[in-house]
Amino acid sequence: MDKYTEMLVFSKAADMGSFSAAARELDLTPSAVSKLITRLEDRLGARLFQRTTRKLSMTAEGHAFNDRCGAILDEIKQAEDAVMALHDKVSGTLRITTVSAFARLQMIKMMPEFMATYPDLRVELELTEREVDLVGEGVDVALVLSDGLTDESLVARRLTVNKRIICASPEYLAKHGTPQTPEDLLNHNCLTHSAIHHFNDWEFSSAEGVRVQRVKGNFHTNSASALHEAVKAGIGIARLASYVVQSSIEKGVVVPLLQEHTVDNSTIQLVYPHRRHLSNKVRVFTDFMVGKFTPNPPWERKAS
């Protein structure tokens, strides 16, 4: 038996918690599975499973080995899928979710090229500001604008930094003055997000480190796009993602403020269920989006 087969059988037994179940899944006999894992343990010089008549559980060494096996088997599967995709059609329905502003301002522009490349693929795009249960709701991939994952069954692939910019229109600044320090914002009308409350905690650098200042004003909305329009209309000052406001800055419609004090960034990442179950449709979409964001996101590229 080669090392790949040993890892495959071990990983299946670890995932299913049973030699018999792994044997049925792999079309082997339970004794063959048991002998193979015993041979693996002998070769490694470590016990990977604790065996009783009623229960099979992994040892600490087993957990460590399973983590590495999973990564290696994933890489082999992805290599095989990449070759198969060269001659296999990508079809079915790809369910994507992201926030409305990112979809409207950036993602929709990219979709014609993607859909022309994979004409047999049907795309369903859901726009929402809430956290989505990808597995429970049958979503294939999410474009998420935040850091970190709390669900270990998901995989995140970073696309780019999500820079946030504090900004106002020239008309507002001409009428109310330009804030020179974060504290000056207390004397200005700051536009706030009514659905994402932590969005109204603006972070700034200071001599003591990062400080958070909660802002307030007389205009609230649950839409980043609406905040952008309110800034352009001269209602007040807002903190917006660069993908929302960059084009307005380049046109001079909006002016960035307090750039030397601002430290508030997160990431834009693709999130999907664990890569052991990565389908061709998710893989080709992921590769396409990574290509679009390499080396820089589209909104940061200067027009030729």
Protein backbone atom coordinates (compact mmCIF):
# COMPACT_ATOMS: atom_id res chain seq x y z
CA MET A 1 0.00 0.00 0.00
CA ASP A 2 1.36 3.47 -0.90
CA LYS A 3 1.35 6.48 1.40
CA TYR A 4 -1.52 8.15 -0.46
CA THR A 5 -3.77 5.12 0.19
CA GLU A 6 -2.72 5.05 3.84
CA MET A 7 -3.62 8.71 4.28
CA LEU A 8 -6.89 8.30 2.40
CA VAL A 9 -8.04 5.35 4.51
CA PHE A 10 -6.88 6.98 7.76
CA SER A 11 -8.61 10.27 6.92
CA LYS A 12 -11.86 8.51 6.03
CA ALA A 13 -11.82 6.52 9.28
CA ALA A 14 -11.07 9.70 11.25
CA ASP A 15 -13.91 11.63 9.57
CA MET A 16 -16.47 8.83 9.96
CA GLY A 17 -15.36 7.68 13.41
CA SER A 18 -15.50 4.02 12.41
CA PHE A 19 -13.35 1.49 10.60
CA SER A 20 -16.46 -0.30 9.35
CA ALA A 21 -18.02 2.89 7.95
CA ALA A 22 -14.73 3.82 6.27
CA ALA A 23 -14.51 0.32 4.79
CA ARG A 24 -18.01 0.61 3.30
CA GLU A 25 -17.24 4.05 1.89
CA LEU A 26 -13.99 2.86 0.29
CA ASP A 27 -15.28 -0.59 -0.77
CA LEU A 28 -12.81 -2.41 1.48
CA THR A 29 -13.25 -4.94 4.28
CA PRO A 30 -13.08 -3.71 7.88
CA SER A 31 -10.12 -6.01 8.49
CA ALA A 32 -8.27 -4.46 5.54
CA VAL A 33 -8.84 -0.98 6.97
CA SER A 34 -7.72 -2.09 10.42
CA LYS A 35 -4.58 -3.77 9.09
CA LEU A 36 -3.72 -0.75 6.94
CA ILE A 37 -4.02 1.69 9.84
CA THR A 38 -2.04 -0.63 12.12
CA ARG A 39 0.70 -0.73 9.47
CA LEU A 40 0.60 3.08 9.28
CA GLU A 41 0.91 3.37 13.06
CA ASP A 42 3.84 0.96 13.06
CA ARG A 43 5.59 2.96 10.36
CA LEU A 44 5.04 6.25 12.21
CA GLY A 45 5.84 4.77 15.61
CA ALA A 46 2.73 6.37 17.11
CA ARG A 47 -0.79 5.31 18.01
CA LEU A 48 -3.31 7.30 15.97
CA PHE A 49 -6.55 5.81 17.35
CA GLN A 50 -7.76 4.62 20.73
CA ARG A 51 -9.82 1.51 20.05
CA THR A 52 -12.48 -0.03 22.30
CA THR A 53 -15.31 -2.42 21.47
CA ARG A 54 -17.77 0.49 21.44
CA LYS A 55 -15.80 3.54 20.48
CA LEU A 56 -13.06 4.74 18.14
CA SER A 57 -11.35 8.02 19.00
CA MET A 58 -8.22 9.78 17.78
CA THR A 59 -5.19 10.41 19.92
CA ALA A 60 -3.38 13.74 19.97
CA GLU A 61 -0.99 12.31 17.39
CA GLY A 62 -3.97 11.22 15.31
CA HIS A 63 -5.47 14.71 15.32
CA ALA A 64 -2.16 16.24 14.26
CA PHE A 65 -1.69 13.69 11.48
CA ASN A 66 -5.30 14.13 10.29
CA ASP A 67 -4.85 17.90 9.94
CA ARG A 68 -1.86 17.44 7.67
CA CYS A 69 -3.45 14.55 5.77
CA GLY A 70 -6.51 16.65 5.06
CA ALA A 71 -4.42 19.44 3.57
CA ILE A 72 -2.40 17.02 1.40
CA LEU A 73 -5.48 15.17 0.15
CA ASP A 74 -7.13 18.52 -0.61
CA GLU A 75 -4.16 19.56 -2.74
CA ILE A 76 -4.26 16.29 -4.67
CA LYS A 77 -8.01 16.68 -5.27
CA GLN A 78 -7.59 20.26 -6.45
CA ALA A 79 -4.81 19.22 -8.83
CA GLU A 80 -7.05 16.52 -10.32
CA ASP A 81 -10.00 18.93 -10.57
CA ALA A 82 -7.87 21.52 -12.33
CA VAL A 83 -6.94 19.03 -15.06
CA MET A 84 -10.48 17.66 -15.36
CA ALA A 85 -11.90 21.18 -15.65
CA LEU A 86 -9.90 21.72 -18.84
CA HIS A 87 -12.18 19.34 -20.68
CA ASP A 88 -15.25 19.14 -18.41
CA LYS A 89 -18.09 21.64 -18.72
CA VAL A 90 -18.84 23.74 -15.65
CA SER A 91 -22.60 23.72 -15.21
CA GLY A 92 -25.36 23.87 -12.62
CA THR A 93 -26.33 26.76 -10.35
CA LEU A 94 -23.78 28.88 -8.49
CA ARG A 95 -25.33 30.62 -5.49
CA ILE A 96 -23.39 33.72 -4.39
CA THR A 97 -24.11 36.19 -1.60
CA THR A 98 -22.57 39.57 -0.76
CA VAL A 99 -23.53 43.05 0.44
CA SER A 100 -25.54 45.19 -1.95
CA ALA A 101 -23.05 48.05 -2.38
CA PHE A 102 -20.19 45.75 -3.34
CA ALA A 103 -22.39 43.84 -5.78
CA ARG A 104 -23.79 46.94 -7.45
CA LEU A 105 -20.55 48.94 -7.67
CA GLN A 106 -17.97 46.23 -8.36
CA MET A 107 -19.06 42.63 -8.73
CA ILE A 108 -21.79 43.04 -11.37
CA LYS A 109 -19.22 44.65 -13.69
CA MET A 110 -17.13 41.48 -13.58
CA MET A 111 -19.94 38.99 -14.17
CA PRO A 112 -20.37 39.31 -17.98
CA GLU A 113 -16.84 38.03 -18.57
CA PHE A 114 -17.26 35.19 -16.07
CA MET A 115 -20.63 34.11 -17.48
CA ALA A 116 -19.35 34.27 -21.05
CA THR A 117 -16.50 31.96 -20.05
CA TYR A 118 -18.92 29.48 -18.44
CA PRO A 119 -22.16 29.79 -20.43
CA ASP A 120 -23.65 26.58 -18.98
CA LEU A 121 -23.46 27.96 -15.44
CA ARG A 122 -26.48 29.67 -13.89
CA VAL A 123 -25.73 32.37 -11.29
CA GLU A 124 -28.02 33.27 -8.38
CA LEU A 125 -26.89 36.39 -6.51
CA GLU A 126 -28.39 37.27 -3.12
CA LEU A 127 -27.74 40.72 -1.67
CA THR A 128 -27.89 40.98 2.10
CA GLU A 129 -26.24 42.82 4.98
CA ARG A 130 -26.74 39.93 7.45
CA GLU A 131 -24.41 37.04 8.21
CA VAL A 132 -25.40 34.08 6.05
CA ASP A 133 -25.31 30.41 7.06
CA LEU A 134 -23.66 29.11 3.89
CA VAL A 135 -24.19 25.42 4.56
CA GLY A 136 -27.67 25.73 6.07
CA GLU A 137 -28.93 28.03 3.32
CA GLY A 138 -27.28 26.19 0.45
CA VAL A 139 -25.00 29.09 -0.56
CA ASP A 140 -21.91 28.11 -2.54
CA VAL A 141 -19.71 31.16 -1.91
CA ALA A 142 -19.91 34.50 -0.13
CA LEU A 143 -17.95 37.70 -0.67
CA VAL A 144 -17.43 38.95 2.87
CA LEU A 145 -16.13 42.33 4.00
CA SER A 146 -14.72 41.53 7.42
CA ASP A 147 -11.85 39.81 9.22
CA GLY A 148 -11.69 36.34 10.68
CA LEU A 149 -13.99 33.33 10.65
CA THR A 150 -15.81 31.81 13.61
CA ASP A 151 -17.01 28.73 11.70
CA GLU A 152 -14.25 26.14 11.27
CA SER A 153 -16.25 24.38 8.53
CA LEU A 154 -15.62 27.35 6.22
CA VAL A 155 -12.57 28.41 4.24
CA ALA A 156 -11.69 32.07 3.54
CA ARG A 157 -9.56 33.24 0.65
CA ARG A 158 -8.35 36.83 0.87
CA LEU A 159 -8.90 39.06 -2.16
CA THR A 160 -7.71 42.48 -0.99
CA VAL A 161 -7.68 45.05 1.80
CA ASN A 162 -10.99 46.81 2.38
CA LYS A 163 -9.80 50.35 3.02
CA ARG A 164 -12.21 52.80 4.63
CA ILE A 165 -12.04 56.51 3.89
CA ILE A 166 -13.56 59.41 5.83
CA CYS A 167 -14.84 61.93 3.33
CA ALA A 168 -17.12 64.88 2.56
CA SER A 169 -18.11 66.96 -0.43
CA PRO A 170 -16.28 70.23 -1.25
CA GLU A 171 -19.58 72.07 -0.75
CA TYR A 172 -20.01 70.74 2.79
CA LEU A 173 -16.43 71.63 3.72
CA ALA A 174 -16.77 75.14 2.26
CA LYS A 175 -19.81 75.71 4.45
CA HIS A 176 -18.79 73.96 7.67
CA GLY A 177 -14.98 73.87 7.56
CA THR A 178 -12.54 70.97 7.26
CA PRO A 179 -11.85 68.84 10.37
CA GLN A 180 -8.14 68.74 11.18
CA THR A 181 -8.23 66.17 14.00
CA PRO A 182 -10.54 63.27 14.90
CA GLU A 183 -11.87 65.34 17.79
CA ASP A 184 -13.10 67.96 15.33
CA LEU A 185 -15.66 65.46 14.07
CA LEU A 186 -17.68 66.07 17.24
CA ASN A 187 -18.58 69.45 15.75
CA HIS A 188 -19.66 68.01 12.39
CA ASN A 189 -22.66 66.15 11.03
CA CYS A 190 -21.41 62.56 10.67
CA LEU A 191 -23.61 60.24 8.66
CA THR A 192 -24.24 56.85 10.27
CA HIS A 193 -25.32 53.34 9.36
CA SER A 194 -28.57 52.31 11.01
CA ALA A 195 -28.21 48.53 10.55
CA ILE A 196 -24.53 47.94 11.39
CA HIS A 197 -23.92 49.79 14.64
CA HIS A 198 -20.19 49.09 14.93
CA PHE A 199 -19.85 50.85 11.57
CA ASN A 200 -20.34 54.07 13.56
CA ASP A 201 -17.27 53.44 15.72
CA TRP A 202 -14.50 55.13 13.74
CA GLU A 203 -10.92 54.13 14.54
CA PHE A 204 -7.98 56.57 14.57
CA SER A 205 -4.30 56.38 15.41
CA SER A 206 -3.05 58.34 18.40
CA ALA A 207 0.03 58.58 20.60
CA GLU A 208 -1.55 55.97 22.88
CA GLY A 209 -2.38 53.61 20.00
CA VAL A 210 -5.69 53.07 18.24
CA ARG A 211 -8.65 54.97 19.70
CA VAL A 212 -12.30 54.55 18.80
CA GLN A 213 -14.66 57.47 18.45
CA ARG A 214 -18.40 56.97 18.11
CA VAL A 215 -19.84 59.55 15.75
CA LYS A 216 -23.34 60.95 15.38
CA GLY A 217 -25.40 63.09 13.10
CA ASN A 218 -28.91 63.68 11.78
CA PHE A 219 -28.86 61.28 8.79
CA HIS A 220 -29.05 57.49 9.17
CA THR A 221 -29.47 54.78 6.55
CA ASN A 222 -29.01 51.03 6.19
CA SER A 223 -27.27 51.40 2.82
CA ALA A 224 -23.63 52.25 2.09
CA SER A 225 -24.69 53.43 -1.36
CA ALA A 226 -27.18 55.83 0.23
CA LEU A 227 -24.44 57.14 2.55
CA HIS A 228 -22.31 57.78 -0.53
CA GLU A 229 -25.10 59.74 -2.21
CA ALA A 230 -25.70 61.72 0.99
CA VAL A 231 -22.03 62.69 1.14
CA LYS A 232 -22.09 63.86 -2.49
CA ALA A 233 -25.24 65.85 -1.75
CA GLY A 234 -23.40 67.77 0.98
CA ILE A 235 -25.39 66.45 3.96
CA GLY A 236 -22.35 65.57 6.05
CA ILE A 237 -19.23 63.47 6.60
CA ALA A 238 -19.18 59.67 6.23
CA ARG A 239 -16.76 56.78 6.47
CA LEU A 240 -17.00 54.68 3.33
CA ALA A 241 -15.17 51.74 1.80
CA SER A 242 -12.71 52.72 -0.91
CA TYR A 243 -14.55 50.54 -3.44
CA VAL A 244 -17.61 52.77 -2.90
CA VAL A 245 -16.00 56.19 -2.94
CA GLN A 246 -12.74 55.93 -4.92
CA SER A 247 -14.23 57.03 -8.25
CA SER A 248 -15.87 60.07 -6.61
CA ILE A 249 -12.53 61.06 -5.08
CA GLU A 250 -10.81 60.82 -8.46
CA LYS A 251 -13.51 63.05 -9.98
CA GLY A 252 -13.21 65.60 -7.18
CA VAL A 253 -16.81 65.09 -6.13
CA VAL A 254 -15.69 63.90 -2.69
CA VAL A 255 -12.65 64.87 -0.61
CA PRO A 256 -10.82 62.41 1.70
CA LEU A 257 -10.27 63.63 5.27
CA LEU A 258 -7.97 62.81 8.20
CA GLN A 259 -5.98 60.31 6.16
CA GLU A 260 -2.94 60.53 8.43
CA HIS A 261 -5.12 59.49 11.39
CA THR A 262 -7.22 56.74 9.80
CA VAL A 263 -6.26 53.10 10.51
CA ASP A 264 -9.59 51.36 9.98
CA ASN A 265 -9.19 48.59 7.41
CA SER A 266 -10.54 45.06 7.07
CA THR A 267 -10.37 42.52 4.26
CA ILE A 268 -12.52 41.43 1.36
CA GLN A 269 -12.51 37.66 1.18
CA LEU A 270 -14.21 34.78 -0.56
CA VAL A 271 -15.75 32.33 1.90
CA TYR A 272 -16.98 28.85 1.02
CA PRO A 273 -17.54 25.46 2.71
CA HIS A 274 -14.45 23.40 3.47
CA ARG A 275 -12.33 22.73 0.40
CA ARG A 276 -12.73 18.95 0.65
CA HIS A 277 -16.17 19.58 -0.84
CA LEU A 278 -15.12 22.32 -3.28
CA SER A 279 -17.00 21.93 -6.56
CA ASN A 280 -15.74 22.91 -9.99
CA LYS A 281 -18.19 25.82 -10.16
CA VAL A 282 -16.91 27.29 -6.89
CA ARG A 283 -13.29 26.70 -7.85
CA VAL A 284 -13.57 28.44 -11.24
CA PHE A 285 -15.41 31.40 -9.67
CA THR A 286 -12.77 31.67 -6.94
CA ASP A 287 -9.92 31.56 -9.46
CA PHE A 288 -11.69 34.15 -11.63
CA MET A 289 -12.17 36.59 -8.73
CA VAL A 290 -8.60 36.17 -7.48
CA GLY A 291 -7.42 37.01 -10.99
CA LYS A 292 -9.55 40.15 -11.03
CA PHE A 293 -8.07 41.33 -7.74
CA THR A 294 -4.44 40.59 -8.60
CA PRO A 295 -2.22 42.51 -8.06
CA ASN A 296 -4.62 45.31 -7.04
CA PRO A 297 -8.41 45.63 -6.79
CA PRO A 298 -10.08 47.15 -9.89
CA TRP A 299 -11.01 50.45 -8.21
CA GLU A 300 -7.38 51.20 -7.34
CA ARG A 301 -6.12 50.86 -10.90
CA LYS A 302 -5.64 54.12 -12.73
CA ALA A 303 -7.44 54.44 -16.02
CA SER A 304 -5.01 54.35 -18.93
